Amino acid sequence: MVVSNDTALTIAGIGIALAVPATFMFANYIRKNVDYGEAQFRTKPEDSDDQDEA
């Protein structure tokens, strides 16, 4: 089967167009549903335990 450049670029463009929103949907799911470990996104600086206190 011969695939032209236009077809290959179209398929690549569709893949990228679907991958970008899927990445944000996955990150949003993790942010809302995972409350532990490395995957936790800390949005408030006071939650960080790596601050130096004088």
Protein backbone atom coordinates (compact mmCIF):
# COMPACT_ATOMS: atom_id res chain seq x y z
CA MET A 1 0.00 0.00 0.00
CA VAL A 2 1.40 3.39 -1.00
CA VAL A 3 0.75 6.34 1.30
CA SER A 4 1.32 9.83 -0.05
CA ASN A 5 2.95 12.62 1.94
CA ASP A 6 -0.38 14.42 2.30
CA THR A 7 -2.02 11.34 3.81
CA ALA A 8 0.83 10.78 6.25
CA LEU A 9 0.81 14.42 7.35
CA THR A 10 -2.97 14.35 7.76
CA ILE A 11 -2.76 11.27 9.97
CA ALA A 12 0.03 12.85 12.02
CA GLY A 13 -1.96 16.08 12.41
CA ILE A 14 -5.03 14.20 13.61
CA GLY A 15 -2.90 12.27 16.09
CA ILE A 16 -1.39 15.45 17.52
CA ALA A 17 -4.78 17.17 17.61
CA LEU A 18 -6.17 14.29 19.68
CA ALA A 19 -3.11 13.85 21.91
CA VAL A 20 -3.05 17.42 23.23
CA PRO A 21 -6.56 17.50 24.77
CA ALA A 22 -6.18 13.90 25.94
CA THR A 23 -3.04 14.89 27.87
CA PHE A 24 -4.87 17.70 29.66
CA MET A 25 -7.86 15.46 30.39
CA PHE A 26 -5.55 12.87 31.95
CA ALA A 27 -3.69 15.49 34.01
CA ASN A 28 -6.98 16.95 35.24
CA TYR A 29 -8.21 13.48 36.24
CA ILE A 30 -4.99 12.85 38.18
CA ARG A 31 -5.18 16.27 39.85
CA LYS A 32 -8.75 15.68 41.04
CA ASN A 33 -8.58 12.01 41.98
CA VAL A 34 -5.09 11.27 43.31
CA ASP A 35 -4.31 12.60 46.78
CA TYR A 36 -1.03 10.87 47.56
CA GLY A 37 2.51 10.20 46.44
CA GLU A 38 4.48 11.61 43.54
CA ALA A 39 1.42 12.32 41.41
CA GLN A 40 -0.01 14.93 43.78
CA PHE A 41 -0.04 18.43 42.30
CA ARG A 42 0.43 21.04 44.99
CA THR A 43 -1.17 24.33 44.05
CA LYS A 44 -0.64 26.26 47.30
CA PRO A 45 2.89 27.21 48.38
CA GLU A 46 2.06 26.69 52.06
CA ASP A 47 1.44 22.99 51.34
CA SER A 48 5.05 22.52 50.30
CA ASP A 49 7.24 20.83 52.90
CA ASP A 50 10.52 21.77 51.23
CA GLN A 51 10.52 25.42 52.30
CA ASP A 52 13.37 26.68 54.46
CA GLU A 53 12.21 28.24 57.69
CA ALA A 54 14.53 30.65 59.49
